[in-house]
């Protein structure tokens, strides 16, 4: 048991050291600037803890079957984006022998808020049966949501009609983006998984919010 624990700790140190060294190298030449409140070391510790429970579709542990380079690259991707799985900003998925990082809805919000001029970002899903109304200013084409009333009985991932994001700028002015679920699915079809990943199927609302936030922040 002690030998197994030591092996796990050694593997963690080897991989996290590689990632931290790369991050330090990027930072030294000015290619990477991490948020002031972000600790790469703490995020890596949280990620390694999270990885203990990550499995593929057959129940195989990610740390046993995934290639070392893919694990290191996923961890590096996490740090470069300034994400932390302990804050539910990202998660890891196994594809064959490769480990990949997926940014969550909350991770997308965190990244968006780091953009210059962005104060807050909010997103919400519109289900069948919701009362949802908006208006468009014909002079500016700006959208303003005037009503959204939702009933708990309406909440069903198979009955999502639309999703919207509200970006509050530093000057308090809002920017609204609305996408129908058909538009969201078309956006997903541009990706490698075409909306068929476990995250898209199990957390449809969060993935839809992530998509509309990405569009709103472009």
Protein backbone atom coordinates (compact mmCIF):
# COMPACT_ATOMS: atom_id res chain seq x y z
CA UNK A 1 0.00 0.00 0.00
CA UNK A 2 2.85 2.35 0.93
CA UNK A 3 4.66 1.56 -2.34
CA UNK A 4 1.52 2.28 -4.35
CA UNK A 5 1.00 5.59 -2.54
CA UNK A 6 4.61 6.59 -3.13
CA UNK A 7 4.28 5.76 -6.83
CA UNK A 8 1.19 7.95 -7.12
CA UNK A 9 2.92 10.82 -5.32
CA UNK A 10 5.99 10.46 -7.56
CA UNK A 11 3.85 10.51 -10.71
CA UNK A 12 2.02 13.61 -9.46
CA UNK A 13 5.28 15.41 -8.72
CA UNK A 14 6.79 14.50 -12.09
CA UNK A 15 3.82 15.71 -14.13
CA UNK A 16 3.08 18.83 -12.09
CA UNK A 17 6.77 19.78 -12.10
CA UNK A 18 6.79 19.55 -15.91
CA UNK A 19 3.71 21.78 -16.14
CA UNK A 20 5.00 24.31 -13.61
CA UNK A 21 8.34 24.51 -15.43
CA UNK A 22 6.58 25.19 -18.73
CA UNK A 23 4.39 27.84 -17.13
CA UNK A 24 7.44 29.51 -15.61
CA UNK A 25 9.13 29.47 -19.00
CA UNK A 26 6.14 31.09 -20.72
CA UNK A 27 5.90 33.72 -18.00
CA UNK A 28 9.59 34.51 -18.16
CA UNK A 29 9.46 35.41 -21.86
CA UNK A 30 6.20 37.30 -21.48
CA UNK A 31 4.02 34.77 -23.30
CA UNK A 32 1.76 34.11 -20.31
CA UNK A 33 0.32 36.36 -17.61
CA UNK A 34 -1.78 34.59 -15.00
CA UNK A 35 -4.49 36.35 -12.98
CA UNK A 36 -3.17 37.86 -9.76
CA UNK A 37 -5.53 35.79 -7.62
CA UNK A 38 -4.63 32.53 -9.38
CA UNK A 39 -2.27 29.93 -7.93
CA UNK A 40 -1.08 27.45 -10.54
CA UNK A 41 0.29 25.16 -7.82
CA UNK A 42 -3.02 25.03 -5.95
CA UNK A 43 -4.95 24.45 -9.17
CA UNK A 44 -2.65 21.56 -10.10
CA UNK A 45 -3.13 19.97 -6.68
CA UNK A 46 -6.91 20.25 -7.07
CA UNK A 47 -6.69 18.84 -10.58
CA UNK A 48 -4.63 15.85 -9.48
CA UNK A 49 -7.16 15.12 -6.76
CA UNK A 50 -10.01 15.39 -9.27
CA UNK A 51 -8.20 13.08 -11.70
CA UNK A 52 -8.25 10.25 -9.15
CA UNK A 53 -11.94 9.79 -9.92
CA UNK A 54 -11.92 10.36 -13.68
CA UNK A 55 -12.72 7.23 -15.71
CA UNK A 56 -13.43 6.32 -19.30
CA UNK A 57 -16.72 4.78 -20.48
CA UNK A 58 -15.56 1.32 -19.39
CA UNK A 59 -14.63 2.38 -15.87
CA UNK A 60 -10.87 2.46 -16.47
CA UNK A 61 -9.01 5.05 -14.44
CA UNK A 62 -7.76 7.98 -16.51
CA UNK A 63 -4.40 8.07 -14.75
CA UNK A 64 -3.79 4.43 -15.68
CA UNK A 65 -4.77 4.46 -19.35
CA UNK A 66 -4.13 8.02 -20.55
CA UNK A 67 -0.78 8.95 -22.04
CA UNK A 68 1.51 11.05 -19.88
CA UNK A 69 1.82 13.79 -22.53
CA UNK A 70 -1.98 14.15 -22.77
CA UNK A 71 -2.26 14.44 -18.99
CA UNK A 72 0.48 17.06 -18.88
CA UNK A 73 -1.04 18.98 -21.80
CA UNK A 74 -4.49 18.98 -20.17
CA UNK A 75 -3.03 20.33 -16.93
CA UNK A 76 -1.05 22.94 -18.85
CA UNK A 77 -4.19 23.98 -20.74
CA UNK A 78 -5.96 24.39 -17.41
CA UNK A 79 -3.24 26.64 -15.99
CA UNK A 80 -2.89 28.72 -19.16
CA UNK A 81 -6.63 29.46 -18.99
CA UNK A 82 -6.37 30.24 -15.28
CA UNK A 83 -8.92 27.58 -14.30
CA UNK A 84 -9.36 25.50 -11.17
CA UNK A 85 -11.46 22.30 -10.95
CA UNK A 86 -12.01 22.93 -7.23
CA UNK A 87 -14.12 25.94 -8.30
CA UNK A 88 -15.94 23.77 -10.87
CA UNK A 89 -14.43 25.82 -13.67
CA UNK A 90 -13.25 22.80 -15.65
CA UNK A 91 -13.26 19.02 -15.78
CA UNK A 92 -11.37 16.23 -17.50
CA UNK A 93 -12.66 13.74 -20.07
CA UNK A 94 -11.03 10.59 -21.46
CA UNK A 95 -11.07 9.96 -25.21
CA UNK A 96 -9.40 6.64 -25.95
CA UNK A 97 -5.93 6.96 -24.46
CA UNK A 98 -5.98 10.74 -24.35
CA UNK A 99 -7.01 13.04 -21.51
CA UNK A 100 -8.68 16.31 -22.49
CA UNK A 101 -9.71 19.41 -20.58
CA UNK A 102 -13.21 20.86 -20.89
CA UNK A 103 -14.04 24.31 -19.63
CA UNK A 104 -17.32 24.46 -17.71
CA UNK A 105 -19.94 27.20 -17.83
CA UNK A 106 -18.44 28.71 -14.67
CA UNK A 107 -14.99 28.54 -16.21
CA UNK A 108 -16.21 30.39 -19.27
CA UNK A 109 -17.72 33.07 -17.02
CA UNK A 110 -14.42 33.38 -15.13
CA UNK A 111 -12.47 33.80 -18.36
CA UNK A 112 -14.98 36.29 -19.75
CA UNK A 113 -14.76 38.46 -16.62
CA UNK A 114 -11.03 38.80 -17.18
CA UNK A 115 -11.65 40.55 -20.49
CA UNK A 116 -11.05 44.29 -20.45
CA UNK A 117 -14.25 46.20 -19.84
CA UNK A 118 -16.32 43.25 -18.59
CA UNK A 119 -17.71 43.43 -15.05
CA UNK A 120 -20.24 40.59 -14.86
CA UNK A 121 -21.51 37.80 -17.08
CA UNK A 122 -24.80 35.97 -16.60
CA UNK A 123 -26.56 33.33 -18.66
CA UNK A 124 -29.92 31.62 -18.48
CA UNK A 125 -31.87 28.92 -20.29
CA UNK A 126 -35.36 29.34 -21.73
CA UNK A 127 -37.52 26.20 -21.60
CA UNK A 128 -40.79 25.36 -23.30
CA UNK A 129 -43.55 26.94 -21.24
CA UNK A 130 -41.44 29.85 -20.00
CA UNK A 131 -42.78 33.36 -20.49
CA UNK A 132 -39.99 35.05 -22.38
CA UNK A 133 -40.11 38.43 -24.09
CA UNK A 134 -37.49 40.77 -25.50
CA UNK A 135 -37.29 43.85 -27.65
CA UNK A 136 -34.80 45.21 -30.16
CA UNK A 137 -33.84 48.86 -30.44
CA UNK A 138 -34.20 49.53 -34.20
CA UNK A 139 -31.64 52.37 -34.02
CA UNK A 140 -28.85 50.35 -32.38
CA UNK A 141 -29.94 46.72 -32.84
CA UNK A 142 -29.32 46.24 -29.12
CA UNK A 143 -31.46 43.59 -27.43
CA UNK A 144 -33.23 44.10 -24.11
CA UNK A 145 -34.96 41.26 -22.28
CA UNK A 146 -38.21 42.55 -20.86
CA UNK A 147 -39.59 39.41 -19.24
CA UNK A 148 -38.53 35.89 -18.31
CA UNK A 149 -40.77 33.92 -15.97
CA UNK A 150 -39.95 30.28 -15.34
CA UNK A 151 -41.79 27.45 -13.61
CA UNK A 152 -39.95 24.52 -12.02
CA UNK A 153 -42.13 22.14 -14.03
CA UNK A 154 -40.66 23.57 -17.24
CA UNK A 155 -37.07 22.63 -16.43
CA UNK A 156 -36.16 19.74 -18.73
CA UNK A 157 -32.96 19.50 -20.80
CA UNK A 158 -34.92 17.94 -23.66
CA UNK A 159 -37.17 21.01 -23.85
CA UNK A 160 -34.68 23.86 -24.09
CA UNK A 161 -35.93 26.47 -26.55
CA UNK A 162 -33.22 29.10 -26.25
CA UNK A 163 -30.40 30.45 -24.12
CA UNK A 164 -29.19 33.98 -23.50
CA UNK A 165 -26.21 35.78 -22.00
CA UNK A 166 -26.04 39.22 -20.43
CA UNK A 167 -22.63 40.88 -20.32
CA UNK A 168 -22.44 43.84 -17.92
CA UNK A 169 -19.67 46.22 -18.90
CA UNK A 170 -17.59 48.29 -16.52
CA UNK A 171 -19.74 51.33 -17.32
CA UNK A 172 -22.80 49.24 -16.26
CA UNK A 173 -24.21 49.06 -19.79
CA UNK A 174 -25.49 45.59 -20.71
CA UNK A 175 -24.98 43.58 -23.87
CA UNK A 176 -27.43 40.75 -24.58
CA UNK A 177 -26.96 37.74 -26.85
CA UNK A 178 -29.77 35.27 -27.57
CA UNK A 179 -29.45 31.91 -29.33
CA UNK A 180 -32.14 29.38 -30.14
CA UNK A 181 -31.33 25.78 -29.28
CA UNK A 182 -31.11 25.07 -32.99
CA UNK A 183 -28.39 27.70 -33.30
CA UNK A 184 -26.60 26.24 -30.28
CA UNK A 185 -26.62 22.76 -31.80
CA UNK A 186 -25.29 24.11 -35.09
CA UNK A 187 -22.43 25.69 -33.14
CA UNK A 188 -21.76 22.37 -31.43
CA UNK A 189 -21.66 20.62 -34.81
CA UNK A 190 -18.60 22.70 -35.69
CA UNK A 191 -16.64 20.95 -32.92
CA UNK A 192 -14.91 17.58 -32.99
CA UNK A 193 -17.58 15.92 -30.83
CA UNK A 194 -20.49 17.58 -32.66
CA UNK A 195 -22.37 17.95 -29.39
CA UNK A 196 -22.13 14.26 -28.62
CA UNK A 197 -19.76 14.34 -25.65
CA UNK A 198 -20.90 13.16 -22.18
CA UNK A 199 -20.86 16.80 -21.05
CA UNK A 200 -23.22 17.86 -23.84
CA UNK A 201 -25.60 15.00 -23.09
CA UNK A 202 -25.57 15.18 -19.28
CA UNK A 203 -25.10 18.92 -18.72
CA UNK A 204 -26.91 20.34 -21.72
CA UNK A 205 -27.94 23.55 -19.93
CA UNK A 206 -24.40 24.36 -18.85
CA UNK A 207 -22.93 23.64 -22.27
CA UNK A 208 -25.61 25.80 -23.92
CA UNK A 209 -24.83 28.67 -21.52
CA UNK A 210 -21.15 28.27 -22.28
CA UNK A 211 -21.86 28.52 -26.01
CA UNK A 212 -23.91 31.71 -25.82
CA UNK A 213 -21.37 33.33 -23.47
CA UNK A 214 -18.60 32.55 -25.95
CA UNK A 215 -20.60 34.25 -28.69
CA UNK A 216 -21.46 37.24 -26.51
CA UNK A 217 -17.82 37.84 -25.62
CA UNK A 218 -16.43 37.63 -29.14
